[in-house]
Amino acid sequence: MRVALIGSADFGKAALEAFLDRGDEVVAVFCPPDNPKSSKPEVLKEAAIARGLTLLQFASLKGPEAAQAMIDSKADICV
């Protein structure tokens, strides 16, 4: 199954790993933009980059750019 994952932090990373372990194809990972006030890196972002996955960061998922990115991913499901 082609999955677009929307998430953040440890829960998002755990979901990413679960989909990959199942053998699903993660076609895009959506996570929040980097927070300049945080000293900790976004773990979901780091996990997606480490696996060479398409990483997308939008201030809001309600905008037309985010909607188009979801369409362009050709995912079977967005989680």
N, C-alpha and C. Protein backbone atom coordinates (compact mmCIF):
# COMPACT_ATOMS: atom_id res chain seq x y z
N MET A 1 0.84 -1.16 0.00
CA MET A 1 0.00 0.00 0.00
C MET A 1 0.90 1.24 0.00
N ARG A 2 0.50 2.25 -0.74
CA ARG A 2 1.22 3.53 -0.80
C ARG A 2 0.65 4.45 0.28
N VAL A 3 1.50 4.84 1.23
CA VAL A 3 1.07 5.58 2.41
C VAL A 3 1.71 6.96 2.43
N ALA A 4 0.90 7.98 2.69
CA ALA A 4 1.41 9.31 3.03
C ALA A 4 1.19 9.46 4.53
N LEU A 5 2.26 9.68 5.26
CA LEU A 5 2.19 9.75 6.71
C LEU A 5 2.21 11.21 7.15
N ILE A 6 1.27 11.57 8.00
CA ILE A 6 1.20 12.91 8.58
C ILE A 6 1.40 12.75 10.07
N GLY A 7 2.46 13.35 10.62
CA GLY A 7 2.69 13.18 12.04
C GLY A 7 3.85 14.00 12.56
N SER A 8 4.23 13.69 13.79
CA SER A 8 5.35 14.37 14.42
C SER A 8 5.81 13.56 15.62
N ALA A 9 6.97 13.89 16.08
CA ALA A 9 7.55 13.38 17.32
C ALA A 9 7.67 11.85 17.32
N ASP A 10 7.77 11.29 18.52
CA ASP A 10 8.01 9.86 18.66
C ASP A 10 6.87 9.01 18.11
N PHE A 11 5.62 9.48 18.27
CA PHE A 11 4.50 8.70 17.75
C PHE A 11 4.55 8.61 16.23
N GLY A 12 4.87 9.72 15.58
CA GLY A 12 4.99 9.72 14.13
C GLY A 12 6.11 8.80 13.66
N LYS A 13 7.24 8.83 14.38
CA LYS A 13 8.36 7.95 14.03
C LYS A 13 7.97 6.49 14.20
N ALA A 14 7.26 6.18 15.28
CA ALA A 14 6.82 4.80 15.51
C ALA A 14 5.87 4.34 14.41
N ALA A 15 4.97 5.22 13.99
CA ALA A 15 4.04 4.88 12.89
C ALA A 15 4.81 4.65 11.60
N LEU A 16 5.78 5.50 11.32
CA LEU A 16 6.61 5.35 10.12
C LEU A 16 7.29 3.99 10.13
N GLU A 17 7.91 3.66 11.23
CA GLU A 17 8.62 2.38 11.33
C GLU A 17 7.67 1.20 11.19
N ALA A 18 6.47 1.31 11.74
CA ALA A 18 5.49 0.23 11.63
C ALA A 18 5.07 0.02 10.18
N PHE A 19 4.81 1.09 9.46
CA PHE A 19 4.44 0.95 8.05
C PHE A 19 5.58 0.34 7.24
N LEU A 20 6.79 0.80 7.48
CA LEU A 20 7.93 0.26 6.75
C LEU A 20 8.17 -1.21 7.10
N ASP A 21 8.03 -1.56 8.36
CA ASP A 21 8.21 -2.96 8.79
C ASP A 21 7.16 -3.88 8.16
N ARG A 22 5.97 -3.33 7.93
CA ARG A 22 4.90 -4.11 7.27
C ARG A 22 5.15 -4.31 5.79
N GLY A 23 6.06 -3.51 5.25
CA GLY A 23 6.34 -3.59 3.82
C GLY A 23 5.57 -2.59 2.99
N ASP A 24 4.90 -1.65 3.64
CA ASP A 24 4.19 -0.61 2.90
C ASP A 24 5.20 0.35 2.28
N GLU A 25 4.79 1.00 1.21
CA GLU A 25 5.61 2.01 0.57
C GLU A 25 5.19 3.38 1.10
N VAL A 26 6.05 4.02 1.86
CA VAL A 26 5.76 5.36 2.37
C VAL A 26 6.22 6.35 1.31
N VAL A 27 5.23 7.00 0.67
CA VAL A 27 5.53 7.86 -0.47
C VAL A 27 5.76 9.31 -0.09
N ALA A 28 5.34 9.69 1.11
CA ALA A 28 5.57 11.05 1.58
C ALA A 28 5.39 11.09 3.09
N VAL A 29 6.20 11.93 3.73
CA VAL A 29 6.09 12.15 5.17
C VAL A 29 5.86 13.64 5.37
N PHE A 30 4.72 13.98 5.97
CA PHE A 30 4.38 15.35 6.29
C PHE A 30 4.62 15.57 7.77
N CYS A 31 5.43 16.56 8.12
CA CYS A 31 5.63 16.89 9.52
C CYS A 31 5.70 18.41 9.66
N PRO A 32 5.58 18.91 10.89
CA PRO A 32 5.57 20.36 11.09
C PRO A 32 6.88 21.00 10.66
N PRO A 33 6.83 22.28 10.35
CA PRO A 33 8.07 23.01 10.03
C PRO A 33 9.01 23.00 11.23
N ASP A 34 10.27 23.19 10.96
CA ASP A 34 11.25 23.26 12.04
C ASP A 34 10.92 24.41 12.98
N ASN A 35 11.09 24.14 14.27
CA ASN A 35 10.85 25.16 15.28
C ASN A 35 12.19 25.76 15.69
N PRO A 36 12.44 27.01 15.33
CA PRO A 36 13.75 27.60 15.65
C PRO A 36 14.00 27.75 17.15
N LYS A 37 12.95 27.67 17.97
CA LYS A 37 13.10 27.81 19.42
C LYS A 37 13.42 26.47 20.10
N SER A 38 13.30 25.40 19.37
CA SER A 38 13.54 24.08 19.95
C SER A 38 14.98 23.65 19.72
N SER A 39 15.57 23.10 20.75
CA SER A 39 16.94 22.59 20.62
C SER A 39 16.95 21.13 20.17
N LYS A 40 15.77 20.48 20.22
CA LYS A 40 15.66 19.08 19.84
C LYS A 40 15.21 18.96 18.38
N PRO A 41 15.85 18.12 17.61
CA PRO A 41 15.38 17.92 16.23
C PRO A 41 14.06 17.14 16.20
N GLU A 42 13.28 17.36 15.19
CA GLU A 42 12.03 16.61 14.99
C GLU A 42 12.40 15.18 14.61
N VAL A 43 12.06 14.22 15.46
CA VAL A 43 12.51 12.84 15.25
C VAL A 43 11.88 12.20 14.02
N LEU A 44 10.64 12.55 13.70
CA LEU A 44 10.03 12.01 12.49
C LEU A 44 10.76 12.52 11.26
N LYS A 45 11.10 13.79 11.26
CA LYS A 45 11.84 14.37 10.15
C LYS A 45 13.18 13.66 9.98
N GLU A 46 13.90 13.49 11.06
CA GLU A 46 15.21 12.82 11.02
C GLU A 46 15.08 11.39 10.49
N ALA A 47 14.04 10.68 10.93
CA ALA A 47 13.83 9.29 10.49
C ALA A 47 13.51 9.23 9.00
N ALA A 48 12.70 10.17 8.53
CA ALA A 48 12.34 10.20 7.11
C ALA A 48 13.57 10.50 6.25
N ILE A 49 14.37 11.46 6.66
CA ILE A 49 15.58 11.81 5.92
C ILE A 49 16.55 10.64 5.90
N ALA A 50 16.71 9.99 7.05
CA ALA A 50 17.64 8.86 7.14
C ALA A 50 17.25 7.72 6.20
N ARG A 51 15.97 7.60 5.91
CA ARG A 51 15.48 6.53 5.03
C ARG A 51 15.32 7.00 3.59
N GLY A 52 15.68 8.24 3.31
CA GLY A 52 15.59 8.76 1.95
C GLY A 52 14.18 8.98 1.46
N LEU A 53 13.24 9.23 2.38
CA LEU A 53 11.85 9.43 2.01
C LEU A 53 11.58 10.89 1.68
N THR A 54 10.51 11.12 0.93
CA THR A 54 10.10 12.47 0.59
C THR A 54 9.53 13.14 1.84
N LEU A 55 10.17 14.21 2.26
CA LEU A 55 9.76 14.94 3.46
C LEU A 55 9.11 16.25 3.03
N LEU A 56 7.95 16.53 3.58
CA LEU A 56 7.22 17.76 3.27
C LEU A 56 6.85 18.46 4.57
N GLN A 57 7.12 19.76 4.64
CA GLN A 57 6.83 20.54 5.84
C GLN A 57 6.05 21.79 5.43
N PHE A 58 4.81 21.86 5.87
CA PHE A 58 3.95 23.00 5.58
C PHE A 58 3.48 23.61 6.89
N ALA A 59 3.32 24.93 6.91
CA ALA A 59 2.81 25.60 8.10
C ALA A 59 1.39 25.14 8.40
N SER A 60 0.64 24.81 7.36
CA SER A 60 -0.73 24.32 7.51
C SER A 60 -1.01 23.29 6.42
N LEU A 61 -1.75 22.26 6.79
CA LEU A 61 -2.14 21.26 5.79
C LEU A 61 -3.43 21.66 5.07
N LYS A 62 -3.98 22.81 5.43
CA LYS A 62 -5.23 23.28 4.82
C LYS A 62 -4.99 24.09 3.55
N GLY A 63 -3.76 24.47 3.29
CA GLY A 63 -3.46 25.30 2.12
C GLY A 63 -3.41 24.51 0.83
N PRO A 64 -3.49 25.21 -0.29
CA PRO A 64 -3.50 24.53 -1.59
C PRO A 64 -2.19 23.80 -1.90
N GLU A 65 -1.07 24.31 -1.40
CA GLU A 65 0.21 23.65 -1.66
C GLU A 65 0.25 22.27 -0.99
N ALA A 66 -0.21 22.20 0.24
CA ALA A 66 -0.22 20.92 0.96
C ALA A 66 -1.20 19.95 0.31
N ALA A 67 -2.36 20.45 -0.08
CA ALA A 67 -3.35 19.60 -0.74
C ALA A 67 -2.79 19.04 -2.04
N GLN A 68 -2.11 19.88 -2.81
CA GLN A 68 -1.54 19.42 -4.07
C GLN A 68 -0.43 18.40 -3.82
N ALA A 69 0.37 18.60 -2.78
CA ALA A 69 1.43 17.65 -2.45
C ALA A 69 0.84 16.28 -2.10
N MET A 70 -0.29 16.27 -1.40
CA MET A 70 -0.95 15.00 -1.09
C MET A 70 -1.43 14.32 -2.36
N ILE A 71 -2.02 15.10 -3.25
CA ILE A 71 -2.48 14.53 -4.53
C ILE A 71 -1.30 14.01 -5.32
N ASP A 72 -0.24 14.80 -5.40
CA ASP A 72 0.94 14.41 -6.18
C ASP A 72 1.62 13.16 -5.64
N SER A 73 1.46 12.88 -4.35
CA SER A 73 2.10 11.69 -3.78
C SER A 73 1.50 10.39 -4.30
N LYS A 74 0.28 10.49 -4.82
CA LYS A 74 -0.44 9.32 -5.34
C LYS A 74 -0.55 8.21 -4.29
N ALA A 75 -0.75 8.64 -3.05
CA ALA A 75 -0.90 7.68 -1.95
C ALA A 75 -2.26 7.00 -2.03
N ASP A 76 -2.30 5.75 -1.57
CA ASP A 76 -3.56 5.04 -1.44
C ASP A 76 -4.30 5.53 -0.21
N ILE A 77 -3.53 5.96 0.80
CA ILE A 77 -4.11 6.40 2.06
C ILE A 77 -3.19 7.43 2.70
N CYS A 78 -3.80 8.41 3.36
CA CYS A 78 -3.06 9.38 4.17
C CYS A 78 -3.40 9.09 5.62
N VAL A 79 -2.38 8.90 6.41
CA VAL A 79 -2.57 8.55 7.83
C VAL A 79 -1.93 9.60 8.69
